[in-house]
Structures are given as C-alpha cells and as structure tokens.
Protein backbone atom coordinates (compact mmCIF):
# COMPACT_ATOMS: atom_id res chain seq x y z
CA MET A 1 0.00 0.00 0.00
CA GLY A 2 1.38 3.42 -0.97
CA SER A 3 2.15 5.99 1.68
CA THR A 4 -0.91 8.09 0.79
CA GLU A 5 -3.37 5.21 0.36
CA LEU A 6 -5.90 4.85 3.16
CA PRO A 7 -6.46 1.45 4.78
CA HIS A 8 -9.71 -0.49 4.59
CA LYS A 9 -11.84 0.05 7.71
CA ASP A 10 -11.66 -3.68 8.52
CA SER A 11 -7.89 -3.92 8.16
CA PRO A 12 -6.24 -5.82 11.05
CA ASP A 13 -3.90 -2.83 11.33
CA VAL A 14 -6.82 -0.52 12.30
CA HIS A 15 -7.46 -0.24 16.04
CA LEU A 16 -9.38 1.87 18.58
CA VAL A 17 -6.99 3.19 21.22
CA GLU A 18 -6.67 5.93 23.81
CA ALA A 19 -5.21 9.04 22.24
CA THR A 20 -1.84 10.39 23.28
CA GLU A 21 -1.75 14.01 24.43
CA GLU A 22 -0.30 14.98 21.05
CA GLU A 23 -3.07 13.13 19.20
CA SER A 24 -5.74 14.79 21.35
CA ILE A 25 -4.37 18.24 20.52
CA ALA A 26 -4.14 17.32 16.84
CA GLN A 27 -7.81 16.29 16.90
CA GLN A 28 -8.76 19.66 18.38
CA HIS A 29 -6.87 21.43 15.62
CA ALA A 30 -8.55 19.23 13.02
CA ASN A 31 -12.11 19.78 14.25
CA SER A 32 -11.66 23.48 15.02
CA ALA A 33 -12.55 24.58 11.50
CA GLU A 34 -16.05 23.14 11.95
CA TRP A 35 -16.59 23.62 15.71
CA GLN A 36 -14.75 26.74 16.86
CA GLY A 37 -17.63 28.92 15.69
CA GLN A 38 -17.36 32.49 16.97
CA LEU A 39 -14.11 31.77 18.83
CA ASP A 40 -10.76 32.14 17.10
CA LEU A 41 -8.48 29.11 17.02
CA ASP A 42 -6.45 30.11 20.05
CA ALA A 43 -9.56 30.73 22.15
CA TYR A 44 -11.14 27.46 20.98
CA LEU A 45 -8.08 25.47 22.02
CA ARG A 46 -7.97 27.25 25.38
CA ARG A 47 -11.66 26.50 25.94
CA GLU A 48 -11.08 22.80 25.28
CA THR A 49 -8.27 22.83 27.84
CA VAL A 50 -10.57 24.49 30.39
CA LEU A 51 -13.31 21.91 29.79
CA ILE A 52 -10.93 18.97 30.04
CA ASN A 53 -9.80 20.22 33.46
CA GLN A 54 -13.19 20.46 35.16
CA ASP A 55 -14.05 18.21 38.13
CA LEU A 56 -16.23 16.11 35.82
CA THR A 57 -13.52 15.50 33.26
CA ARG A 58 -10.12 15.67 34.97
CA ASP A 59 -8.17 12.68 36.34
CA GLY A 60 -9.57 10.24 33.82
CA GLY A 61 -13.14 11.55 33.82
CA LEU A 62 -12.73 12.23 30.09
CA THR A 63 -11.09 9.81 27.69
CA THR A 64 -10.09 10.76 24.14
CA TRP A 65 -10.35 7.86 21.72
CA VAL A 66 -8.85 7.58 18.25
CA LEU A 67 -9.19 5.03 15.50
CA VAL A 68 -5.69 4.55 14.16
CA HIS A 69 -3.93 2.75 11.39
CA GLN A 70 -0.78 1.20 12.83
CA PRO A 71 1.02 -1.25 10.58
CA GLU A 72 3.57 -3.48 12.26
CA ASN A 73 6.56 -1.60 10.90
CA GLY A 74 5.07 1.82 10.25
CA PRO A 75 3.96 5.00 12.02
CA ARG A 76 0.58 5.35 13.72
CA LYS A 77 -1.93 7.49 11.82
CA VAL A 78 -5.20 8.84 13.28
CA LEU A 79 -8.26 8.21 11.09
CA CYS A 80 -11.00 9.68 13.34
CA GLY A 81 -11.72 10.26 17.00
CA CYS A 82 -14.20 10.96 19.80
CA GLU A 83 -14.43 11.40 23.57
CA SER A 84 -16.21 9.63 26.41
CA ILE A 85 -17.06 11.12 29.81
CA LYS A 86 -17.70 8.93 32.83
CA LYS A 87 -21.09 9.74 34.38
CA LYS A 88 -22.85 8.98 37.65
CA ALA A 89 -26.14 7.25 36.97
CA LEU A 90 -28.99 5.34 38.59
CA LEU A 91 -30.70 2.13 37.53
CA ALA A 92 -34.11 1.23 38.94
CA ARG A 93 -35.39 -2.32 38.51
CA SER A 94 -36.51 -5.36 40.47
CA GLY A 95 -37.58 -3.25 43.42
CA LYS A 96 -34.30 -1.44 44.04
CA VAL A 97 -32.23 1.52 42.87
CA GLU A 98 -28.55 0.95 42.05
CA ASP A 99 -25.68 3.36 41.52
CA VAL A 100 -24.17 2.48 38.16
CA VAL A 101 -21.49 3.67 35.76
CA ALA A 102 -22.53 5.25 32.47
CA HIS A 103 -20.66 7.13 29.75
CA GLY A 104 -21.52 10.13 27.62
CA ILE A 105 -20.01 10.21 24.13
CA ALA A 106 -19.01 13.50 22.53
CA SER A 107 -16.84 15.10 19.85
CA VAL A 108 -17.24 12.37 17.23
CA PHE A 109 -15.14 13.72 14.35
CA CYS A 110 -13.59 12.50 11.13
CA GLU A 111 -11.55 14.79 8.90
CA ALA A 112 -13.03 15.41 5.46
CA LYS A 113 -10.14 13.62 3.74
CA HIS A 114 -10.95 10.46 5.72
CA ARG A 115 -14.72 10.47 5.28
CA GLY A 116 -16.65 7.96 3.21
CA LYS A 117 -14.33 5.11 4.18
CA GLY A 118 -16.40 3.68 7.04
CA TYR A 119 -13.94 4.75 9.75
CA ALA A 120 -16.57 6.37 11.96
CA SER A 121 -18.65 3.19 11.73
CA ARG A 122 -15.67 1.06 12.74
CA MET A 123 -14.87 3.44 15.61
CA MET A 124 -18.40 3.45 17.00
CA SER A 125 -18.68 -0.34 16.75
CA GLU A 126 -15.43 -0.73 18.69
CA LEU A 127 -16.30 1.99 21.18
CA GLY A 128 -19.70 0.49 22.00
CA LYS A 129 -18.02 -2.75 23.03
CA LYS A 130 -15.15 -1.01 24.84
CA LEU A 131 -17.39 1.17 27.03
CA LYS A 132 -19.23 -1.84 28.46
CA SER A 133 -16.31 -2.47 30.82
CA TRP A 134 -14.46 0.86 30.66
CA GLN A 135 -13.87 2.38 34.11
CA ALA A 136 -16.48 0.04 35.60
CA GLY A 137 -14.29 -1.65 38.20
CA ASN A 138 -15.08 -5.35 38.49
CA GLY A 139 -18.53 -4.91 36.98
CA SER A 140 -19.82 -3.43 33.75
CA SER A 141 -21.28 -0.13 32.67
CA ALA A 142 -25.06 0.00 32.58
CA PHE A 143 -25.37 2.16 29.47
CA SER A 144 -23.86 4.90 27.34
CA VAL A 145 -25.53 7.90 25.75
CA LEU A 146 -24.90 10.34 22.94
CA TYR A 147 -26.69 13.22 21.25
CA SER A 148 -26.79 12.80 17.50
CA ASP A 149 -26.73 15.80 15.18
CA ILE A 150 -26.95 13.60 12.08
CA GLY A 151 -30.39 12.10 12.64
CA LYS A 152 -31.38 8.75 14.12
CA GLU A 153 -30.14 6.11 11.70
CA PHE A 154 -26.34 6.14 11.89
CA TYR A 155 -25.91 5.67 15.63
CA ALA A 156 -28.91 3.34 15.88
CA ALA A 157 -27.17 1.07 13.38
CA HIS A 158 -24.25 0.84 15.81
CA GLY A 159 -26.23 0.09 18.95
CA TRP A 160 -27.50 3.46 20.25
CA GLN A 161 -31.29 3.41 20.31
CA ALA A 162 -32.81 6.78 19.40
CA PHE A 163 -35.26 8.01 22.05
CA PRO A 164 -37.96 10.65 21.59
CA SER A 165 -36.26 14.06 21.59
CA ALA A 166 -38.50 17.03 22.16
CA HIS A 167 -38.37 20.57 23.49
CA ILE A 168 -40.63 23.50 24.22
CA THR A 169 -39.61 27.11 23.58
CA LEU A 170 -40.21 30.38 25.41
CA THR A 171 -39.52 33.91 24.20
CA PRO A 172 -37.28 36.11 26.37
CA THR A 173 -38.98 39.17 27.86
CA ALA A 174 -38.13 41.73 30.50
CA SER A 175 -41.74 42.83 30.96
CA PHE A 176 -43.70 39.68 31.87
CA ASN A 177 -46.44 40.29 34.43
CA ALA A 178 -45.91 37.58 37.07
CA GLN A 179 -49.16 38.41 38.88
CA GLY A 180 -50.68 35.26 40.33
CA LEU A 181 -47.34 33.43 40.46
CA PRO A 182 -45.24 32.91 43.60
CA ALA A 183 -42.16 35.07 44.12
CA ALA A 184 -38.94 33.72 42.65
CA ARG A 185 -35.32 34.72 43.20
CA VAL A 186 -32.23 34.04 41.16
CA LEU A 187 -29.63 31.44 42.12
CA ALA A 188 -25.92 32.14 42.37
CA ASP A 189 -22.94 29.77 42.32
CA LYS A 190 -23.00 29.46 46.12
CA ASP A 191 -26.53 28.00 45.96
CA ILE A 192 -25.93 25.30 43.39
CA GLU A 193 -24.00 22.54 45.17
CA SER A 194 -26.47 22.14 48.06
CA LEU A 195 -29.41 22.12 45.65
CA CYS A 196 -27.72 19.47 43.52
CA THR A 197 -27.28 17.30 46.62
CA LEU A 198 -30.96 17.74 47.47
CA ASP A 199 -31.99 17.06 43.87
CA GLU A 200 -30.05 13.80 43.90
CA GLU A 201 -31.85 12.69 47.08
CA ILE A 202 -35.22 13.53 45.51
CA THR A 203 -34.28 11.72 42.30
CA ARG A 204 -33.32 8.57 44.21
CA ARG A 205 -36.67 8.51 46.01
CA ARG A 206 -38.59 8.96 42.79
CA MET A 207 -36.53 6.36 40.98
CA ALA A 208 -37.51 3.94 43.76
CA GLN A 209 -41.09 4.27 42.51
CA ASN A 210 -39.93 3.31 39.02
CA ALA A 211 -38.20 0.25 40.48
CA LYS A 212 -41.64 -1.25 41.06
CA SER A 213 -42.20 -1.41 37.30
CA ASN A 214 -41.38 -4.42 35.15
CA ARG A 215 -39.26 -2.15 32.93
CA PRO A 216 -35.76 -0.99 33.90
CA ALA A 217 -35.47 2.80 34.30
CA VAL A 218 -32.24 4.78 34.09
CA THR A 219 -31.16 8.36 34.60
CA LEU A 220 -27.98 10.36 34.68
CA ILE A 221 -27.55 12.28 37.93
CA PRO A 222 -27.65 16.10 37.74
CA ASP A 223 -24.77 16.49 40.17
CA HIS A 224 -22.73 19.63 40.84
CA ARG A 225 -19.78 18.46 38.75
CA THR A 226 -22.02 18.16 35.71
CA LEU A 227 -23.54 21.62 36.12
CA ALA A 228 -20.12 23.18 36.77
CA TRP A 229 -18.93 21.82 33.40
CA HIS A 230 -21.82 23.60 31.65
CA TYR A 231 -21.13 26.82 33.55
CA ALA A 232 -17.44 26.69 32.64
CA ARG A 233 -18.39 26.43 28.98
CA GLU A 234 -20.73 29.41 29.22
CA ASP A 235 -18.31 31.51 31.26
CA PHE A 236 -15.44 30.96 28.85
CA PHE A 237 -17.42 32.20 25.86
CA ALA A 238 -18.93 35.14 27.74
CA THR A 239 -15.50 36.23 28.95
CA GLU A 240 -13.99 35.99 25.48
CA LYS A 241 -16.80 37.78 23.64
CA PHE A 242 -18.29 40.15 26.22
CA LYS A 243 -15.51 40.52 28.82
CA LYS A 244 -17.97 39.58 31.57
CA THR A 245 -19.89 36.63 32.97
CA SER A 246 -23.28 36.29 34.61
CA SER A 247 -23.66 35.54 38.31
CA ASP A 248 -27.19 34.20 37.73
CA ARG A 249 -27.27 30.39 37.41
CA GLY A 250 -31.00 29.72 37.73
CA ALA A 251 -34.00 30.60 39.86
CA ILE A 252 -35.91 29.19 42.84
CA VAL A 253 -39.35 29.51 44.44
CA GLY A 254 -39.91 28.80 48.14
CA ASP A 255 -37.83 29.06 51.30
CA TRP A 256 -38.93 26.00 53.28
CA ALA A 257 -38.01 22.34 52.86
CA GLY A 258 -40.64 20.45 50.92
CA THR A 259 -42.04 23.53 49.16
CA ARG A 260 -39.27 24.56 46.77
CA ALA A 261 -38.99 24.39 43.01
CA TRP A 262 -36.01 25.55 41.00
CA CYS A 263 -34.26 25.46 37.67
CA TYR A 264 -30.70 25.83 36.42
CA TRP A 265 -29.88 27.47 33.10
CA THR A 266 -26.94 28.14 30.80
CA GLY A 267 -26.44 30.36 27.76
CA VAL A 268 -25.20 28.90 24.48
CA TRP A 269 -24.06 31.07 21.59
CA PRO A 270 -24.24 29.37 18.20
CA THR A 271 -21.45 28.26 15.94
CA HIS A 272 -22.97 30.27 13.08
CA ALA A 273 -24.18 33.53 14.57
CA GLU A 274 -25.69 34.74 11.31
CA VAL A 275 -28.18 31.86 11.00
CA ASP A 276 -28.61 30.23 14.42
CA PRO A 277 -30.15 31.77 17.55
CA ASN A 278 -28.59 32.46 20.94
CA ILE A 279 -30.32 30.00 23.26
CA LEU A 280 -30.77 29.95 27.01
CA TYR A 281 -31.12 26.26 27.86
CA ILE A 282 -32.92 25.16 31.00
CA LEU A 283 -30.51 22.51 32.22
CA ARG A 284 -32.85 21.01 34.82
CA ILE A 285 -36.19 21.69 36.53
CA ALA A 286 -36.54 20.26 40.06
CA VAL A 287 -39.61 20.19 42.29
CA GLU A 288 -39.29 19.24 45.94
CA ASP A 289 -42.97 18.42 46.58
CA GLU A 290 -43.06 14.69 47.37
CA SER A 291 -46.38 14.29 45.56
CA PHE A 292 -44.69 15.44 42.36
CA ALA A 293 -43.10 12.37 40.77
CA ASP A 294 -43.90 12.70 37.09
CA PHE A 295 -41.15 11.35 34.82
CA GLU A 296 -43.52 10.78 31.91
CA PRO A 297 -43.31 12.82 28.69
CA ALA A 298 -45.95 15.52 28.39
CA SER A 299 -49.45 14.49 27.33
CA GLU A 300 -52.75 16.33 26.99
CA HIS A 301 -54.24 14.26 29.81
CA GLY A 302 -51.25 14.92 32.06
CA ILE A 303 -51.33 18.65 31.38
CA ASP A 304 -55.06 18.89 32.17
CA ALA A 305 -54.62 16.91 35.39
CA ILE A 306 -51.85 19.10 36.82
CA LYS A 307 -52.26 22.55 35.26
CA ASP A 308 -53.84 24.17 38.35
CA SER A 309 -51.34 22.76 40.87
CA PRO A 310 -48.93 24.84 43.00
CA SER A 311 -46.01 22.99 41.38
CA VAL A 312 -46.99 24.26 37.92
CA LYS A 313 -47.21 27.85 39.18
CA ALA A 314 -43.82 27.49 40.87
CA ILE A 315 -42.23 26.20 37.67
CA ALA A 316 -43.81 29.07 35.75
CA ALA A 317 -42.34 31.55 38.23
CA VAL A 318 -38.77 30.30 37.82
CA LEU A 319 -39.18 30.21 34.03
CA ALA A 320 -40.37 33.83 34.12
CA LYS A 321 -37.03 34.64 35.79
CA ALA A 322 -35.32 32.78 32.95
CA GLN A 323 -37.20 34.97 30.45
CA ALA A 324 -35.89 38.11 32.14
CA HIS A 325 -32.32 36.77 32.29
CA ALA A 326 -32.44 35.73 28.63
CA SER A 327 -33.67 39.17 27.63
CA GLU A 328 -30.86 40.85 29.56
CA TRP A 329 -28.26 38.69 27.78
CA ASN A 330 -29.80 39.10 24.31
CA MET A 331 -30.76 35.45 23.98
CA HIS A 332 -33.25 34.78 21.22
CA GLN A 333 -35.12 31.90 22.82
CA ILE A 334 -35.33 29.63 25.86
CA GLN A 335 -35.41 25.86 25.32
CA ILE A 336 -36.54 23.18 27.76
CA TRP A 337 -35.73 19.63 26.66
CA ASN A 338 -38.11 16.69 26.95
CA PRO A 339 -40.64 18.50 29.15
CA THR A 340 -43.05 16.74 31.49
CA SER A 341 -46.74 17.62 31.60
CA ALA A 342 -46.08 19.97 34.53
CA THR A 343 -43.40 21.83 32.58
CA VAL A 344 -45.61 22.23 29.52
CA ALA A 345 -48.48 23.46 31.69
CA ALA A 346 -46.11 25.98 33.31
CA VAL A 347 -44.80 27.23 29.97
CA GLN A 348 -48.35 27.67 28.72
CA LEU A 349 -49.10 29.91 31.71
CA LEU A 350 -46.43 32.21 30.27
CA ASP A 351 -47.25 31.67 26.59
CA SER A 352 -50.58 30.03 25.79
CA ASN A 353 -49.42 29.30 22.23
CA ALA A 354 -46.32 27.33 23.21
CA THR A 355 -46.27 23.75 21.93
CA VAL A 356 -43.88 20.81 22.15
CA GLU A 357 -41.61 20.32 19.13
CA HIS A 358 -40.14 16.93 18.24
CA ARG A 359 -36.61 16.89 16.82
CA GLU A 360 -35.72 14.43 14.08
CA LYS A 361 -32.19 15.52 13.13
CA GLU A 362 -30.39 17.46 15.88
CA SER A 363 -29.52 16.54 19.48
CA ILE A 364 -31.27 13.17 19.25
CA THR A 365 -31.06 11.49 22.65
CA SER A 366 -29.62 8.02 22.01
CA LEU A 367 -28.83 5.22 24.47
CA ARG A 368 -26.90 1.98 24.24
CA TRP A 369 -28.05 -0.51 26.86
CA TYR A 370 -25.71 -3.15 28.24
CA GLY A 371 -28.37 -5.19 30.03
CA GLU A 372 -30.20 -8.25 28.73
CA GLU A 373 -33.28 -6.30 27.68
CA ASP A 374 -33.70 -4.49 24.39
CA ALA A 375 -33.02 -0.76 24.73
CA LYS A 376 -36.60 -0.13 23.56
CA ASP A 377 -37.75 -1.76 26.80
CA VAL A 378 -35.75 0.63 29.01
CA ASP A 379 -37.19 3.91 30.34
CA TRP A 380 -34.68 6.74 30.15
CA VAL A 381 -36.02 9.48 32.42
CA MET A 382 -34.92 13.09 33.01
CA LYS A 383 -33.59 13.51 29.47
CA GLU A 384 -32.95 17.17 30.20
CA LYS A 385 -30.18 19.39 28.85
CA PHE A 386 -27.90 18.85 31.88
CA ALA A 387 -27.11 15.37 30.56
CA TRP A 388 -25.79 16.65 27.20
CA CYS A 389 -22.06 16.56 26.59
C-alpha cells in the first residue's frame, strides 16, 4: 500500500486506542474549522483545555479515543476520534435503585479527507463494546448515551437506540407580568452545590417508585460536577466575547423544605451567529414536593390533570425569571428539553401558544443498553439538557 493510500476500515492494522496528548491536541486542531464557531483558534483550544480540566472530566473523567492505522513496521496514523465522559447514573429495577457507571459520548469527528471510508462506523462499533467495561471496576457499565446531530439512523445502526427528543420554547422578555405566580429569586454559584445534593436525594426517592415497574429505568444524575462543566463552557465564551460573565445560574421559588422548586440554566451562543439563535437552555427543573413524581413525557391528559397545581405555578415563576435573564443577555429563545406535563403546563401559563416540538435531526437522545433487555424496553427518564455533553 502506498504511503498516501488509506487502509480499509476492517484492516487488522486498524485499532481503537486511547489518544496520546499529542493526538488529542491534533484532533482539536482538526475539528476546530467546523466547531470553533465564533471563537478564534487560540480561544477554541484554550476552551477545550478548560473543559478537560473540570471536576467532571479531569483525572480520567474524560477519555479521548482515536481510531488509528498502525502497521507493524510503520507509524501510527489517526483516522477519526471521539471522547467519552464517565457519568454517575442510577438504575431502577426489580424493586431497588442501584448506583451504576454510564458514559456520555461526545466530539465524534472525522476529517473530510478520511470520510466515506467507514472509519466512523468502525470506531463506534469498537467503542460500544469497549465502554461496556471501561472504568467500571469489576462490573460493567449500565449504558452509554450520545446526542446525534446527524439524525437517528447512523448511531442506531451501531447500537445506540434513538429516544424521543422534544423541546418547548419560550420567548425572552423583560416585561412579563408575574401576577398570580409565587415570588422567585435568582440562584448564584453558592446555591448550586447544596441544591444538587438535594436534587439527587429527591431523584433517588422517585426512581424507587420506578423500580416497582417491570421495565428498567435509568437516569444520569444532575450532580454539581455536571452543572459546573456547563457553567465553565458558558463563562469561557462570555469572557472571550463580552468581557464579563453572569452571576445568575437559575431561579428558585420557596424558602422551606418540601415547598421549593427551582431550575438551572446556561447560555449557548451558536457556531454560526448569522443563522442560528442564541439559546438559554434550561438545564434542569426540580420540584421538591413529594407528591410530584412525574417522569412521563408531556401528554394532553397529564397537562389537564396538573395545570392548576402549586407545582406548575412554581415552575412558571422560575421560568419567568429565565425569560428576564435571557432578555438581559440578548438570547433569542429559551429551550426546555423533553418536558413533562407539569413543565408544559407551566410554559403555557407564560405563553398560551407554546407547543412541544419533536426533533428528528439534531440533538437526538440516544442510548446503548448493556443489560439483557432491548433498549426499547428501558425507560430513560430526566432527558434534560444537563445530561448533554
């Protein structure tokens, strides 16, 4: 084979391996042309360094993978690459809730000169098998997830079942009349860690209800490390482009245990500013009320049953704060992923015309299940934006 000829994807000299530091940096340079967006190359590379060194990702939390061609007597050549991030997760089944290992897959990239050769397919096939035992101690990972921006078919063909992926949108406004809603206040960094701890306790109790079902249920945990990673991403861009950051991380209603509801948010500025909107994403909506345990996707029946509840009004109040924050930061819309009936009812208190949109191409929530059941028989709950990577 000539020095410029590319190997067949099934060549025995093609392997999936952990990237060296030099290969990781080379991958960042390679994908920068498509992903750096409004950042210049230097800023993009610095942002990637910042994100790799968060609590979630440092010390082995993030692994960079590369598919390489490495003939016995020749140099190693990278064909494509991706990343995996170790995630805390819960599995509810057979009457109990277990702490399990899961992985989020990100940054799947193949240079244009290597495309059309099947390398990404080979990489994902190898990665799916590798992650079953990766960083799982003496056991195995329960599942891995990814968010496809190329539709549902490619990753499904390699083991990641596409799940329903929906969102509801609100318009930013600084002038909403919150009459009839409870008072809400904004959250700062100092508030987040304790609320994440409380949210995890609530999630465990509610997952225990799912454990009574015949179907396994899984969720990623919205812990402080995960939120801090999102905030670091937002803060880096805001500092680079606006020379400032926001101290507002979300909003909360209620001061007493058992009565609170809150949300976390993060701003995302698009890769292509001229065609795509600035979006304030609601990372997570949490409700402390023990009677509130709805993991189901929104439905007309569910909305009608809960629309007059205090929880719905509390959610509406924190989302009204999000509208004001988004307006202040010149965001074009607010998105809430995979809303429950309570969330839709709350949004419709603020905008009666708001409806749920179902995505078919971008940010498709996809899960590979390592249990005996088919992935279609697993309930993936809390598919909110916090879980994206």
